[in-house]
């Protein structure tokens, strides 16, 4: 189906997302840091990036902009516990296509990725 890059500093969340997305037939890659994410991004050229908005040593909105500069066609889904409208707006304005609020269920993640892949 699609190459998906999960960028999150939580090993448990990456494992859960990878399990869900692999069962959907996707090729799934992981990155625990923003630096690692850029290295993997350049290597695999993902179709979709699931990105935690708040990670150590990074501004989530700037990272979205940087991914979009590297590949304007990449679809980015921001995952966060953040519910402030201003941050959601900034992430969308920077190029994110969707926003998942943690905690989320497996069906919600799978449906979001399927919808983005088919659009």
N, C-alpha and C. Protein backbone atom coordinates (compact mmCIF):
# COMPACT_ATOMS: atom_id res chain seq x y z
N UNK A 1 0.82 -1.20 0.00
CA UNK A 1 0.00 0.00 0.00
C UNK A 1 0.86 1.26 0.00
N UNK A 2 1.48 1.58 1.17
CA UNK A 2 2.24 2.82 1.26
C UNK A 2 3.44 2.65 2.16
N UNK A 3 4.43 3.51 1.95
CA UNK A 3 5.56 3.60 2.87
C UNK A 3 5.19 4.63 3.93
N UNK A 4 5.22 4.20 5.19
CA UNK A 4 4.84 5.07 6.30
C UNK A 4 6.02 5.19 7.25
N UNK A 5 6.34 6.43 7.61
CA UNK A 5 7.39 6.71 8.59
C UNK A 5 6.73 7.21 9.87
N UNK A 6 6.99 6.51 10.98
CA UNK A 6 6.49 6.92 12.29
C UNK A 6 7.61 7.64 13.02
N UNK A 7 7.35 8.89 13.42
CA UNK A 7 8.34 9.70 14.13
C UNK A 7 7.77 10.02 15.50
N UNK A 8 8.27 9.32 16.52
CA UNK A 8 7.78 9.52 17.88
C UNK A 8 8.86 9.04 18.84
N UNK A 9 9.02 9.74 19.96
CA UNK A 9 10.04 9.34 20.92
C UNK A 9 9.57 8.24 21.87
N UNK A 10 8.33 7.82 21.76
CA UNK A 10 7.79 6.74 22.60
C UNK A 10 7.92 5.40 21.88
N UNK A 11 8.78 4.50 22.39
CA UNK A 11 8.91 3.18 21.76
C UNK A 11 7.60 2.40 21.75
N UNK A 12 6.82 2.50 22.81
CA UNK A 12 5.55 1.78 22.89
C UNK A 12 4.57 2.27 21.82
N UNK A 13 4.48 3.59 21.66
CA UNK A 13 3.57 4.13 20.65
C UNK A 13 4.02 3.74 19.24
N UNK A 14 5.32 3.79 18.98
CA UNK A 14 5.82 3.37 17.67
C UNK A 14 5.47 1.91 17.40
N UNK A 15 5.64 1.06 18.41
CA UNK A 15 5.33 -0.36 18.26
C UNK A 15 3.85 -0.58 17.95
N UNK A 16 2.98 0.10 18.69
CA UNK A 16 1.54 -0.03 18.46
C UNK A 16 1.14 0.46 17.06
N UNK A 17 1.66 1.61 16.66
CA UNK A 17 1.35 2.14 15.34
C UNK A 17 1.89 1.23 14.23
N UNK A 18 3.11 0.75 14.43
CA UNK A 18 3.72 -0.13 13.43
C UNK A 18 2.89 -1.40 13.27
N UNK A 19 2.45 -1.98 14.38
CA UNK A 19 1.63 -3.19 14.34
C UNK A 19 0.34 -2.94 13.55
N UNK A 20 -0.34 -1.85 13.87
CA UNK A 20 -1.59 -1.51 13.19
C UNK A 20 -1.38 -1.30 11.69
N UNK A 21 -0.38 -0.53 11.35
CA UNK A 21 -0.17 -0.17 9.95
C UNK A 21 0.40 -1.31 9.12
N UNK A 22 1.20 -2.17 9.74
CA UNK A 22 1.72 -3.35 9.04
C UNK A 22 0.59 -4.30 8.70
N UNK A 23 -0.34 -4.48 9.65
CA UNK A 23 -1.50 -5.35 9.40
C UNK A 23 -2.35 -4.82 8.24
N UNK A 24 -2.29 -3.52 8.00
CA UNK A 24 -3.03 -2.90 6.88
C UNK A 24 -2.30 -3.07 5.55
N UNK A 25 -1.11 -3.67 5.60
CA UNK A 25 -0.35 -3.91 4.37
C UNK A 25 0.67 -2.84 4.03
N UNK A 26 0.93 -1.93 4.95
CA UNK A 26 1.88 -0.86 4.69
C UNK A 26 3.31 -1.29 5.02
N UNK A 27 4.26 -0.64 4.39
CA UNK A 27 5.67 -0.80 4.68
C UNK A 27 5.98 0.28 5.72
N UNK A 28 6.34 -0.11 6.95
CA UNK A 28 6.43 0.84 8.05
C UNK A 28 7.86 0.97 8.55
N UNK A 29 8.28 2.21 8.74
CA UNK A 29 9.61 2.54 9.26
C UNK A 29 9.43 3.40 10.50
N UNK A 30 10.47 3.44 11.34
CA UNK A 30 10.38 4.18 12.59
C UNK A 30 11.58 5.10 12.78
N UNK A 31 11.35 6.16 13.54
CA UNK A 31 12.43 7.05 13.96
C UNK A 31 12.09 7.57 15.35
N UNK A 32 13.08 7.51 16.25
CA UNK A 32 12.87 7.93 17.64
C UNK A 32 13.26 9.39 17.86
N UNK A 33 14.02 9.95 16.93
CA UNK A 33 14.45 11.34 17.04
C UNK A 33 14.21 12.04 15.70
N UNK A 34 14.23 13.35 15.74
CA UNK A 34 14.04 14.12 14.50
C UNK A 34 15.23 13.90 13.56
N UNK A 35 16.42 13.82 14.12
CA UNK A 35 17.61 13.58 13.30
C UNK A 35 17.50 12.24 12.57
N UNK A 36 17.09 11.22 13.31
CA UNK A 36 16.90 9.90 12.71
C UNK A 36 15.80 9.95 11.66
N UNK A 37 14.75 10.72 11.93
CA UNK A 37 13.64 10.84 10.99
C UNK A 37 14.10 11.40 9.65
N UNK A 38 14.94 12.42 9.66
CA UNK A 38 15.41 13.00 8.40
C UNK A 38 16.28 12.02 7.63
N UNK A 39 17.09 11.22 8.34
CA UNK A 39 17.93 10.22 7.67
C UNK A 39 17.06 9.15 7.02
N UNK A 40 16.07 8.64 7.75
CA UNK A 40 15.17 7.62 7.21
C UNK A 40 14.33 8.20 6.08
N UNK A 41 13.84 9.41 6.25
CA UNK A 41 13.03 10.09 5.24
C UNK A 41 13.79 10.14 3.91
N UNK A 42 15.05 10.55 3.96
CA UNK A 42 15.86 10.67 2.74
C UNK A 42 16.09 9.30 2.09
N UNK A 43 16.22 8.28 2.92
CA UNK A 43 16.50 6.94 2.42
C UNK A 43 15.28 6.27 1.78
N UNK A 44 14.10 6.40 2.41
CA UNK A 44 12.95 5.62 1.94
C UNK A 44 11.92 6.43 1.15
N UNK A 45 11.97 7.77 1.25
CA UNK A 45 10.99 8.63 0.58
C UNK A 45 9.56 8.16 0.89
N UNK A 46 9.11 8.36 2.14
CA UNK A 46 7.79 7.85 2.54
C UNK A 46 6.64 8.56 1.84
N UNK A 47 5.52 7.85 1.77
CA UNK A 47 4.28 8.44 1.26
C UNK A 47 3.58 9.23 2.36
N UNK A 48 3.68 8.69 3.59
CA UNK A 48 3.01 9.28 4.74
C UNK A 48 3.98 9.32 5.93
N UNK A 49 3.92 10.42 6.68
CA UNK A 49 4.67 10.53 7.93
C UNK A 49 3.68 10.75 9.06
N UNK A 50 3.77 9.90 10.09
CA UNK A 50 3.02 10.11 11.34
C UNK A 50 4.01 10.72 12.31
N UNK A 51 3.77 11.97 12.70
CA UNK A 51 4.75 12.73 13.46
C UNK A 51 4.18 13.24 14.77
N UNK A 52 4.86 12.91 15.87
CA UNK A 52 4.52 13.49 17.16
C UNK A 52 4.85 14.98 17.09
N UNK A 53 3.91 15.82 17.47
CA UNK A 53 4.12 17.26 17.37
C UNK A 53 5.16 17.77 18.36
N UNK A 54 5.21 17.16 19.53
CA UNK A 54 6.14 17.62 20.57
C UNK A 54 7.18 16.56 20.87
N UNK A 55 8.41 16.80 20.39
CA UNK A 55 9.53 15.89 20.64
C UNK A 55 10.71 16.70 21.14
N UNK A 56 11.59 16.07 21.89
CA UNK A 56 12.77 16.79 22.40
C UNK A 56 13.60 17.40 21.26
N UNK A 57 14.13 18.56 21.51
CA UNK A 57 15.06 19.23 20.59
C UNK A 57 14.47 19.53 19.21
N UNK A 58 13.17 19.78 19.15
CA UNK A 58 12.61 20.12 17.84
C UNK A 58 11.33 20.93 17.98
N UNK A 59 11.08 21.71 16.95
CA UNK A 59 9.81 22.41 16.83
C UNK A 59 9.00 21.64 15.80
N UNK A 60 7.90 21.04 16.24
CA UNK A 60 7.11 20.17 15.36
C UNK A 60 6.65 20.83 14.08
N UNK A 61 6.29 22.09 14.16
CA UNK A 61 5.81 22.80 12.97
C UNK A 61 6.96 23.02 11.99
N UNK A 62 8.13 23.36 12.49
CA UNK A 62 9.29 23.54 11.61
C UNK A 62 9.68 22.23 10.92
N UNK A 63 9.58 21.14 11.65
CA UNK A 63 9.90 19.83 11.08
C UNK A 63 8.92 19.49 9.94
N UNK A 64 7.66 19.80 10.13
CA UNK A 64 6.67 19.58 9.06
C UNK A 64 7.07 20.38 7.82
N UNK A 65 7.42 21.63 8.00
CA UNK A 65 7.84 22.47 6.87
C UNK A 65 9.06 21.86 6.17
N UNK A 66 10.02 21.37 6.97
CA UNK A 66 11.23 20.79 6.39
C UNK A 66 10.92 19.53 5.60
N UNK A 67 10.05 18.66 6.11
CA UNK A 67 9.64 17.46 5.36
C UNK A 67 8.98 17.87 4.05
N UNK A 68 8.12 18.87 4.09
CA UNK A 68 7.41 19.31 2.88
C UNK A 68 8.39 19.92 1.86
N UNK A 69 9.45 20.56 2.32
CA UNK A 69 10.47 21.09 1.39
C UNK A 69 11.20 19.95 0.70
N UNK A 70 11.47 18.88 1.47
CA UNK A 70 12.15 17.72 0.89
C UNK A 70 11.28 16.97 -0.10
N UNK A 71 9.98 16.90 0.20
CA UNK A 71 9.05 16.21 -0.69
C UNK A 71 7.67 16.85 -0.53
N UNK A 72 7.30 17.76 -1.42
CA UNK A 72 6.00 18.44 -1.32
C UNK A 72 4.79 17.50 -1.37
N UNK A 73 4.97 16.28 -1.90
CA UNK A 73 3.84 15.34 -2.02
C UNK A 73 3.63 14.49 -0.77
N UNK A 74 4.58 14.49 0.17
CA UNK A 74 4.43 13.65 1.36
C UNK A 74 3.22 14.12 2.18
N UNK A 75 2.50 13.15 2.70
CA UNK A 75 1.31 13.46 3.51
C UNK A 75 1.69 13.28 4.97
N UNK A 76 1.49 14.32 5.75
CA UNK A 76 1.91 14.30 7.15
C UNK A 76 0.69 14.32 8.05
N UNK A 77 0.70 13.40 9.02
CA UNK A 77 -0.33 13.33 10.04
C UNK A 77 0.35 13.63 11.37
N UNK A 78 -0.14 14.65 12.05
CA UNK A 78 0.42 15.03 13.34
C UNK A 78 -0.31 14.25 14.43
N UNK A 79 0.46 13.65 15.33
CA UNK A 79 -0.09 12.90 16.46
C UNK A 79 0.36 13.59 17.74
N UNK A 80 -0.59 13.91 18.59
CA UNK A 80 -0.22 14.61 19.81
C UNK A 80 -1.35 14.58 20.82
N UNK A 81 -1.00 14.86 22.06
CA UNK A 81 -2.02 15.07 23.08
C UNK A 81 -2.46 16.52 23.06
N UNK A 82 -1.80 17.31 22.27
CA UNK A 82 -2.09 18.75 22.18
C UNK A 82 -3.46 18.97 21.56
N UNK A 83 -4.28 19.74 22.23
CA UNK A 83 -5.62 20.02 21.68
C UNK A 83 -5.84 21.51 21.44
N UNK A 84 -4.81 22.31 21.58
CA UNK A 84 -4.97 23.75 21.35
C UNK A 84 -5.18 24.02 19.87
N UNK A 85 -6.21 24.77 19.60
CA UNK A 85 -6.54 25.07 18.21
C UNK A 85 -5.42 25.80 17.47
N UNK A 86 -4.69 26.64 18.16
CA UNK A 86 -3.61 27.39 17.52
C UNK A 86 -2.53 26.45 16.99
N UNK A 87 -2.17 25.42 17.76
CA UNK A 87 -1.14 24.48 17.31
C UNK A 87 -1.65 23.61 16.15
N UNK A 88 -2.90 23.21 16.22
CA UNK A 88 -3.48 22.44 15.13
C UNK A 88 -3.46 23.28 13.85
N UNK A 89 -3.87 24.53 13.96
CA UNK A 89 -3.88 25.42 12.81
C UNK A 89 -2.47 25.60 12.24
N UNK A 90 -1.49 25.81 13.11
CA UNK A 90 -0.10 25.99 12.65
C UNK A 90 0.42 24.74 11.95
N UNK A 91 0.10 23.58 12.48
CA UNK A 91 0.55 22.32 11.86
C UNK A 91 -0.08 22.14 10.48
N UNK A 92 -1.37 22.43 10.36
CA UNK A 92 -2.07 22.32 9.08
C UNK A 92 -1.51 23.36 8.09
N UNK A 93 -1.32 24.57 8.59
CA UNK A 93 -0.77 25.64 7.75
C UNK A 93 0.63 25.28 7.23
N UNK A 94 1.39 24.55 8.06
CA UNK A 94 2.75 24.14 7.67
C UNK A 94 2.75 22.99 6.67
N UNK A 95 1.59 22.32 6.52
CA UNK A 95 1.51 21.26 5.52
C UNK A 95 0.96 19.93 6.01
N UNK A 96 0.64 19.82 7.28
CA UNK A 96 0.04 18.57 7.77
C UNK A 96 -1.33 18.38 7.13
N UNK A 97 -1.67 17.14 6.81
CA UNK A 97 -2.95 16.84 6.18
C UNK A 97 -4.01 16.43 7.18
N UNK A 98 -3.57 15.98 8.38
CA UNK A 98 -4.53 15.54 9.38
C UNK A 98 -3.88 15.62 10.75
N UNK A 99 -4.70 15.46 11.78
CA UNK A 99 -4.25 15.61 13.16
C UNK A 99 -4.96 14.55 13.99
N UNK A 100 -4.20 13.66 14.63
CA UNK A 100 -4.76 12.63 15.50
C UNK A 100 -4.44 12.98 16.95
N UNK A 101 -5.46 13.01 17.78
CA UNK A 101 -5.28 13.32 19.19
C UNK A 101 -5.03 12.02 19.97
N UNK A 102 -3.94 11.99 20.73
CA UNK A 102 -3.65 10.83 21.58
C UNK A 102 -4.54 10.89 22.80
N UNK A 103 -5.00 9.79 23.34
CA UNK A 103 -4.83 8.45 22.77
C UNK A 103 -5.82 8.22 21.63
N UNK A 104 -5.39 7.49 20.63
CA UNK A 104 -6.28 7.18 19.52
C UNK A 104 -6.38 5.67 19.39
N UNK A 105 -7.42 5.23 18.70
CA UNK A 105 -7.59 3.78 18.54
C UNK A 105 -7.04 3.33 17.19
N UNK A 106 -6.85 2.03 17.08
CA UNK A 106 -6.24 1.46 15.88
C UNK A 106 -7.07 1.73 14.63
N UNK A 107 -8.38 1.62 14.75
CA UNK A 107 -9.26 1.86 13.59
C UNK A 107 -9.12 3.29 13.08
N UNK A 108 -9.04 4.24 14.00
CA UNK A 108 -8.91 5.65 13.63
C UNK A 108 -7.63 5.88 12.84
N UNK A 109 -6.53 5.30 13.30
CA UNK A 109 -5.25 5.45 12.61
C UNK A 109 -5.32 4.80 11.23
N UNK A 110 -5.82 3.58 11.17
CA UNK A 110 -5.90 2.87 9.89
C UNK A 110 -6.77 3.61 8.89
N UNK A 111 -7.91 4.10 9.33
CA UNK A 111 -8.80 4.85 8.43
C UNK A 111 -8.16 6.13 7.92
N UNK A 112 -7.46 6.82 8.79
CA UNK A 112 -6.80 8.07 8.40
C UNK A 112 -5.75 7.80 7.33
N UNK A 113 -4.93 6.78 7.53
CA UNK A 113 -3.89 6.46 6.56
C UNK A 113 -4.50 6.00 5.24
N UNK A 114 -5.51 5.15 5.29
CA UNK A 114 -6.18 4.69 4.05
C UNK A 114 -6.73 5.89 3.27
N UNK A 115 -7.37 6.82 3.98
CA UNK A 115 -7.96 7.98 3.32
C UNK A 115 -6.88 8.84 2.65
N UNK A 116 -5.76 9.04 3.33
CA UNK A 116 -4.69 9.86 2.77
C UNK A 116 -4.02 9.20 1.58
N UNK A 117 -3.85 7.90 1.66
CA UNK A 117 -3.22 7.17 0.55
C UNK A 117 -4.08 7.24 -0.71
N UNK A 118 -5.39 7.14 -0.52
CA UNK A 118 -6.29 7.14 -1.69
C UNK A 118 -6.61 8.54 -2.22
N UNK A 119 -6.18 9.57 -1.51
CA UNK A 119 -6.49 10.93 -1.99
C UNK A 119 -5.41 11.49 -2.89
